[in-house]
PDB file of N, CA and C in Angstrom:
ATOM      1  N   UNK A   1       0.854  -1.167   0.000  1.00  0.00           N
ATOM      2  CA  UNK A   1       0.000   0.000   0.000  1.00  0.00           C
ATOM      3  C   UNK A   1       0.899   1.229   0.000  1.00  0.00           C
ATOM      4  N   UNK A   2       0.586   2.173  -0.847  1.00  0.00           N
ATOM      5  CA  UNK A   2       1.343   3.422  -0.900  1.00  0.00           C
ATOM      6  C   UNK A   2       0.542   4.506  -0.204  1.00  0.00           C
ATOM      7  N   UNK A   3       1.169   5.192   0.704  1.00  0.00           N
ATOM      8  CA  UNK A   3       0.466   6.257   1.417  1.00  0.00           C
ATOM      9  C   UNK A   3       1.476   7.300   1.876  1.00  0.00           C
ATOM     10  N   UNK A   4       1.140   8.545   1.679  1.00  0.00           N
ATOM     11  CA  UNK A   4       1.965   9.661   2.135  1.00  0.00           C
ATOM     12  C   UNK A   4       3.388   9.608   1.586  1.00  0.00           C
ATOM     13  N   UNK A   5       3.546   9.175   0.345  1.00  0.00           N
ATOM     14  CA  UNK A   5       4.847   9.196  -0.303  1.00  0.00           C
ATOM     15  C   UNK A   5       5.730   7.996  -0.044  1.00  0.00           C
ATOM     16  N   UNK A   6       5.241   7.006   0.662  1.00  0.00           N
ATOM     17  CA  UNK A   6       6.039   5.815   0.950  1.00  0.00           C
ATOM     18  C   UNK A   6       5.171   4.578   0.990  1.00  0.00           C
ATOM     19  N   UNK A   7       5.804   3.453   1.168  1.00  0.00           N
ATOM     20  CA  UNK A   7       5.097   2.182   1.216  1.00  0.00           C
ATOM     21  C   UNK A   7       4.674   1.841   2.639  1.00  0.00           C
ATOM     22  N   UNK A   8       3.543   1.183   2.742  1.00  0.00           N
ATOM     23  CA  UNK A   8       3.080   0.618   4.010  1.00  0.00           C
ATOM     24  C   UNK A   8       2.769  -0.844   3.747  1.00  0.00           C
ATOM     25  N   UNK A   9       3.294  -1.701   4.576  1.00  0.00           N
ATOM     26  CA  UNK A   9       3.126  -3.144   4.396  1.00  0.00           C
ATOM     27  C   UNK A   9       2.562  -3.708   5.685  1.00  0.00           C
ATOM     28  N   UNK A  10       1.461  -4.423   5.578  1.00  0.00           N
ATOM     29  CA  UNK A  10       0.803  -4.970   6.759  1.00  0.00           C
ATOM     30  C   UNK A  10       0.857  -6.481   6.736  1.00  0.00           C
ATOM     31  N   UNK A  11       1.214  -7.066   7.874  1.00  0.00           N
ATOM     32  CA  UNK A  11       1.301  -8.514   8.030  1.00  0.00           C
ATOM     33  C   UNK A  11       0.875  -8.871   9.448  1.00  0.00           C
ATOM     34  N   UNK A  12       0.200  -9.976   9.593  1.00  0.00           N
ATOM     35  CA  UNK A  12      -0.247 -10.358  10.929  1.00  0.00           C
ATOM     36  C   UNK A  12       0.741 -11.268  11.645  1.00  0.00           C
ATOM     37  N   UNK A  13       1.546 -12.009  10.902  1.00  0.00           N
ATOM     38  CA  UNK A  13       2.531 -12.861  11.553  1.00  0.00           C
ATOM     39  C   UNK A  13       3.777 -12.968  10.694  1.00  0.00           C
ATOM     40  N   UNK A  14       4.898 -13.247  11.328  1.00  0.00           N
ATOM     41  CA  UNK A  14       6.174 -13.378  10.644  1.00  0.00           C
ATOM     42  C   UNK A  14       7.292 -13.343  11.663  1.00  0.00           C
ATOM     43  N   UNK A  15       8.477 -13.656  11.210  1.00  0.00           N
ATOM     44  CA  UNK A  15       9.635 -13.659  12.108  1.00  0.00           C
ATOM     45  C   UNK A  15      10.144 -12.229  12.322  1.00  0.00           C
ATOM     46  N   UNK A  16      10.972 -12.055  13.328  1.00  0.00           N
ATOM     47  CA  UNK A  16      11.589 -10.745  13.570  1.00  0.00           C
ATOM     48  C   UNK A  16      12.388 -10.299  12.352  1.00  0.00           C
ATOM     49  N   UNK A  17      13.046 -11.253  11.692  1.00  0.00           N
ATOM     50  CA  UNK A  17      13.828 -10.934  10.492  1.00  0.00           C
ATOM     51  C   UNK A  17      12.925 -10.365   9.392  1.00  0.00           C
ATOM     52  N   UNK A  18      11.775 -10.958   9.187  1.00  0.00           N
ATOM     53  CA  UNK A  18      10.840 -10.477   8.163  1.00  0.00           C
ATOM     54  C   UNK A  18      10.358  -9.075   8.517  1.00  0.00           C
ATOM     55  N   UNK A  19       9.977  -8.867   9.778  1.00  0.00           N
ATOM     56  CA  UNK A  19       9.507  -7.547  10.188  1.00  0.00           C
ATOM     57  C   UNK A  19      10.604  -6.496  10.060  1.00  0.00           C
ATOM     58  N   UNK A  20      11.851  -6.857  10.332  1.00  0.00           N
ATOM     59  CA  UNK A  20      12.972  -5.932  10.158  1.00  0.00           C
ATOM     60  C   UNK A  20      13.153  -5.565   8.686  1.00  0.00           C
ATOM     61  N   UNK A  21      13.032  -6.550   7.794  1.00  0.00           N
ATOM     62  CA  UNK A  21      13.163  -6.290   6.354  1.00  0.00           C
ATOM     63  C   UNK A  21      12.041  -5.385   5.860  1.00  0.00           C
ATOM     64  N   UNK A  22      10.836  -5.612   6.347  1.00  0.00           N
ATOM     65  CA  UNK A  22       9.707  -4.766   5.963  1.00  0.00           C
ATOM     66  C   UNK A  22       9.943  -3.331   6.428  1.00  0.00           C
ATOM     67  N   UNK A  23      10.394  -3.177   7.661  1.00  0.00           N
ATOM     68  CA  UNK A  23      10.677  -1.846   8.197  1.00  0.00           C
ATOM     69  C   UNK A  23      11.750  -1.133   7.375  1.00  0.00           C
ATOM     70  N   UNK A  24      12.776  -1.867   6.973  1.00  0.00           N
ATOM     71  CA  UNK A  24      13.848  -1.293   6.150  1.00  0.00           C
ATOM     72  C   UNK A  24      13.317  -0.863   4.780  1.00  0.00           C
ATOM     73  N   UNK A  25      12.494  -1.694   4.149  1.00  0.00           N
ATOM     74  CA  UNK A  25      11.925  -1.364   2.841  1.00  0.00           C
ATOM     75  C   UNK A  25      11.010  -0.144   2.933  1.00  0.00           C
ATOM     76  N   UNK A  26      10.212  -0.076   3.988  1.00  0.00           N
ATOM     77  CA  UNK A  26       9.338   1.080   4.163  1.00  0.00           C
ATOM     78  C   UNK A  26      10.161   2.359   4.307  1.00  0.00           C
ATOM     79  N   UNK A  27      11.227   2.319   5.096  1.00  0.00           N
ATOM     80  CA  UNK A  27      12.082   3.499   5.296  1.00  0.00           C
ATOM     81  C   UNK A  27      12.744   3.916   3.980  1.00  0.00           C
ATOM     82  N   UNK A  28      13.250   2.955   3.217  1.00  0.00           N
ATOM     83  CA  UNK A  28      13.894   3.268   1.931  1.00  0.00           C
ATOM     84  C   UNK A  28      12.921   3.882   0.936  1.00  0.00           C
ATOM     85  N   UNK A  29      11.639   3.496   1.016  1.00  0.00           N
ATOM     86  CA  UNK A  29      10.668   3.999   0.051  1.00  0.00           C
ATOM     87  C   UNK A  29      10.465   5.508   0.166  1.00  0.00           C
ATOM     88  N   UNK A  30      10.770   6.087   1.314  1.00  0.00           N
ATOM     89  CA  UNK A  30      10.639   7.530   1.489  1.00  0.00           C
ATOM     90  C   UNK A  30      11.853   8.292   0.963  1.00  0.00           C
ATOM     91  N   UNK A  31      12.864   7.555   0.490  1.00  0.00           N
ATOM     92  CA  UNK A  31      14.082   8.187  -0.030  1.00  0.00           C
ATOM     93  C   UNK A  31      14.393   7.742  -1.449  1.00  0.00           C
ATOM     94  N   UNK A  32      13.478   6.981  -2.073  1.00  0.00           N
ATOM     95  CA  UNK A  32      13.706   6.408  -3.399  1.00  0.00           C
ATOM     96  C   UNK A  32      12.623   6.878  -4.352  1.00  0.00           C
ATOM     97  N   UNK A  33      13.009   7.435  -5.491  1.00  0.00           N
ATOM     98  CA  UNK A  33      12.052   7.911  -6.486  1.00  0.00           C
ATOM     99  C   UNK A  33      11.155   6.759  -6.917  1.00  0.00           C
ATOM    100  N   UNK A  34       9.836   6.952  -6.792  1.00  0.00           N
ATOM    101  CA  UNK A  34       8.897   5.892  -7.140  1.00  0.00           C
ATOM    102  C   UNK A  34       8.775   5.697  -8.644  1.00  0.00           C
ATOM    103  N   UNK A  35       9.314   6.614  -9.414  1.00  0.00           N
ATOM    104  CA  UNK A  35       9.224   6.501 -10.864  1.00  0.00           C
ATOM    105  C   UNK A  35      10.452   5.829 -11.473  1.00  0.00           C
ATOM    106  N   UNK A  36      11.655   6.208 -11.035  1.00  0.00           N
ATOM    107  CA  UNK A  36      12.866   5.700 -11.688  1.00  0.00           C
ATOM    108  C   UNK A  36      13.817   4.951 -10.750  1.00  0.00           C
ATOM    109  N   UNK A  37      13.612   5.046  -9.426  1.00  0.00           N
ATOM    110  CA  UNK A  37      14.453   4.326  -8.477  1.00  0.00           C
ATOM    111  C   UNK A  37      15.685   5.068  -8.002  1.00  0.00           C
ATOM    112  N   UNK A  38      15.926   6.272  -8.515  1.00  0.00           N
ATOM    113  CA  UNK A  38      17.061   7.073  -8.049  1.00  0.00           C
ATOM    114  C   UNK A  38      16.722   7.680  -6.688  1.00  0.00           C
ATOM    115  N   UNK A  39      17.723   8.240  -5.996  1.00  0.00           N
ATOM    116  CA  UNK A  39      17.426   8.905  -4.734  1.00  0.00           C
ATOM    117  C   UNK A  39      16.392  10.014  -4.939  1.00  0.00           C
ATOM    118  N   UNK A  40      15.443  10.099  -4.027  1.00  0.00           N
ATOM    119  CA  UNK A  40      14.379  11.090  -4.154  1.00  0.00           C
ATOM    120  C   UNK A  40      13.967  11.616  -2.799  1.00  0.00           C
ATOM    121  N   UNK A  41      12.974  12.487  -2.817  1.00  0.00           N
ATOM    122  CA  UNK A  41      12.442  13.052  -1.582  1.00  0.00           C
ATOM    123  C   UNK A  41      10.942  13.250  -1.748  1.00  0.00           C
ATOM    124  N   UNK A  42      10.262  13.385  -0.615  1.00  0.00           N
ATOM    125  CA  UNK A  42       8.816  13.559  -0.643  1.00  0.00           C
ATOM    126  C   UNK A  42       8.462  14.907  -1.254  1.00  0.00           C
ATOM    127  N   UNK A  43       7.483  14.886  -2.164  1.00  0.00           N
ATOM    128  CA  UNK A  43       7.019  16.099  -2.841  1.00  0.00           C
ATOM    129  C   UNK A  43       5.495  16.102  -2.804  1.00  0.00           C
ATOM    130  N   UNK A  44       4.918  17.246  -2.531  1.00  0.00           N
ATOM    131  CA  UNK A  44       3.464  17.356  -2.489  1.00  0.00           C
ATOM    132  C   UNK A  44       2.963  18.084  -3.735  1.00  0.00           C
ATOM    133  N   UNK A  45       2.210  17.373  -4.558  1.00  0.00           N
ATOM    134  CA  UNK A  45       1.529  17.950  -5.724  1.00  0.00           C
ATOM    135  C   UNK A  45       0.088  17.458  -5.673  1.00  0.00           C
ATOM    136  N   UNK A  46      -0.626  17.792  -4.632  1.00  0.00           N
ATOM    137  CA  UNK A  46      -1.929  17.187  -4.403  1.00  0.00           C
ATOM    138  C   UNK A  46      -1.709  15.929  -3.583  1.00  0.00           C
ATOM    139  N   UNK A  47      -1.300  14.844  -4.241  1.00  0.00           N
ATOM    140  CA  UNK A  47      -0.875  13.625  -3.565  1.00  0.00           C
ATOM    141  C   UNK A  47       0.580  13.796  -3.171  1.00  0.00           C
ATOM    142  N   UNK A  48       1.013  13.058  -2.174  1.00  0.00           N
ATOM    143  CA  UNK A  48       2.432  13.079  -1.806  1.00  0.00           C
ATOM    144  C   UNK A  48       3.123  11.958  -2.563  1.00  0.00           C
ATOM    145  N   UNK A  49       4.166  12.318  -3.298  1.00  0.00           N
ATOM    146  CA  UNK A  49       4.971  11.355  -4.046  1.00  0.00           C
ATOM    147  C   UNK A  49       6.417  11.498  -3.618  1.00  0.00           C
ATOM    148  N   UNK A  50       7.171  10.426  -3.722  1.00  0.00           N
ATOM    149  CA  UNK A  50       8.608  10.493  -3.505  1.00  0.00           C
ATOM    150  C   UNK A  50       9.260  10.439  -4.875  1.00  0.00           C
ATOM    151  N   UNK A  51       9.913  11.540  -5.260  1.00  0.00           N
ATOM    152  CA  UNK A  51      10.451  11.685  -6.608  1.00  0.00           C
ATOM    153  C   UNK A  51      11.838  12.305  -6.570  1.00  0.00           C
ATOM    154  N   UNK A  52      12.658  11.964  -7.573  1.00  0.00           N
ATOM    155  CA  UNK A  52      13.943  12.646  -7.764  1.00  0.00           C
ATOM    156  C   UNK A  52      13.651  14.007  -8.409  1.00  0.00           C
ATOM    157  N   UNK A  53      14.659  14.844  -8.523  1.00  0.00           N
ATOM    158  CA  UNK A  53      14.467  16.171  -9.118  1.00  0.00           C
ATOM    159  C   UNK A  53      13.933  16.073 -10.542  1.00  0.00           C
ATOM    160  N   UNK A  54      14.520  15.176 -11.360  1.00  0.00           N
ATOM    161  CA  UNK A  54      14.109  15.065 -12.760  1.00  0.00           C
ATOM    162  C   UNK A  54      12.641  14.654 -12.876  1.00  0.00           C
ATOM    163  N   UNK A  55      12.240  13.615 -12.162  1.00  0.00           N
ATOM    164  CA  UNK A  55      10.854  13.130 -12.260  1.00  0.00           C
ATOM    165  C   UNK A  55       9.884  14.159 -11.693  1.00  0.00           C
ATOM    166  N   UNK A  56      10.304  14.876 -10.663  1.00  0.00           N
ATOM    167  CA  UNK A  56       9.455  15.934 -10.104  1.00  0.00           C
ATOM    168  C   UNK A  56       9.230  17.034 -11.136  1.00  0.00           C
ATOM    169  N   UNK A  57      10.305  17.463 -11.803  1.00  0.00           N
ATOM    170  CA  UNK A  57      10.204  18.531 -12.793  1.00  0.00           C
ATOM    171  C   UNK A  57       9.405  18.101 -14.022  1.00  0.00           C
ATOM    172  N   UNK A  58       9.386  16.811 -14.329  1.00  0.00           N
ATOM    173  CA  UNK A  58       8.705  16.298 -15.519  1.00  0.00           C
ATOM    174  C   UNK A  58       7.453  15.486 -15.187  1.00  0.00           C
ATOM    175  N   UNK A  59       6.908  15.656 -13.994  1.00  0.00           N
ATOM    176  CA  UNK A  59       5.795  14.832 -13.528  1.00  0.00           C
ATOM    177  C   UNK A  59       4.576  14.892 -14.456  1.00  0.00           C
ATOM    178  N   UNK A  60       4.250  16.077 -14.977  1.00  0.00           N
ATOM    179  CA  UNK A  60       3.096  16.186 -15.868  1.00  0.00           C
ATOM    180  C   UNK A  60       3.299  15.366 -17.139  1.00  0.00           C
ATOM    181  N   UNK A  61       4.497  15.409 -17.713  1.00  0.00           N
ATOM    182  CA  UNK A  61       4.801  14.620 -18.912  1.00  0.00           C
ATOM    183  C   UNK A  61       4.755  13.124 -18.609  1.00  0.00           C
ATOM    184  N   UNK A  62       5.266  12.723 -17.462  1.00  0.00           N
ATOM    185  CA  UNK A  62       5.284  11.313 -17.062  1.00  0.00           C
ATOM    186  C   UNK A  62       3.857  10.802 -16.910  1.00  0.00           C
ATOM    187  N   UNK A  63       3.003  11.578 -16.229  1.00  0.00           N
ATOM    188  CA  UNK A  63       1.605  11.159 -16.046  1.00  0.00           C
ATOM    189  C   UNK A  63       0.881  11.065 -17.371  1.00  0.00           C
ATOM    190  N   UNK A  64       1.101  12.038 -18.270  1.00  0.00           N
ATOM    191  CA  UNK A  64       0.459  12.022 -19.580  1.00  0.00           C
ATOM    192  C   UNK A  64       0.868  10.785 -20.370  1.00  0.00           C
ATOM    193  N   UNK A  65       2.165  10.458 -20.349  1.00  0.00           N
ATOM    194  CA  UNK A  65       2.657   9.280 -21.063  1.00  0.00           C
ATOM    195  C   UNK A  65       2.011   7.998 -20.511  1.00  0.00           C
ATOM    196  N   UNK A  66       1.834   7.935 -19.189  1.00  0.00           N
ATOM    197  CA  UNK A  66       1.177   6.776 -18.577  1.00  0.00           C
ATOM    198  C   UNK A  66      -0.234   6.598 -19.107  1.00  0.00           C
ATOM    199  N   UNK A  67      -0.973   7.692 -19.200  1.00  0.00           N
ATOM    200  CA  UNK A  67      -2.354   7.616 -19.681  1.00  0.00           C
ATOM    201  C   UNK A  67      -2.421   7.248 -21.161  1.00  0.00           C
ATOM    202  N   UNK A  68      -1.431   7.653 -21.942  1.00  0.00           N
ATOM    203  CA  UNK A  68      -1.407   7.309 -23.361  1.00  0.00           C
ATOM    204  C   UNK A  68      -1.198   5.795 -23.561  1.00  0.00           C
ATOM    205  N   UNK A  69      -0.529   5.153 -22.604  1.00  0.00           N
ATOM    206  CA  UNK A  69      -0.240   3.719 -22.712  1.00  0.00           C
ATOM    207  C   UNK A  69      -1.337   2.836 -22.138  1.00  0.00           C
ATOM    208  N   UNK A  70      -2.396   3.422 -21.615  1.00  0.00           N
ATOM    209  CA  UNK A  70      -3.474   2.613 -21.034  1.00  0.00           C
ATOM    210  C   UNK A  70      -4.437   2.163 -22.101  1.00  0.00           C
TER     211      UNK A  70
END
């Protein structure tokens, strides 16, 4: 689940190792561009997204291209 610019993962049971990995992945998601995977930061454009500078500056073009491919 994506919320507030990062990932949220819910599980009812698992080992401490699994929960640690989930916590690490959630933390990394707030620093990783959700579009290209480069380092990014939280940006608010209505919704909160985590984007690098390039994807943030080109967000309208990226969204338009996504809709053209649907």
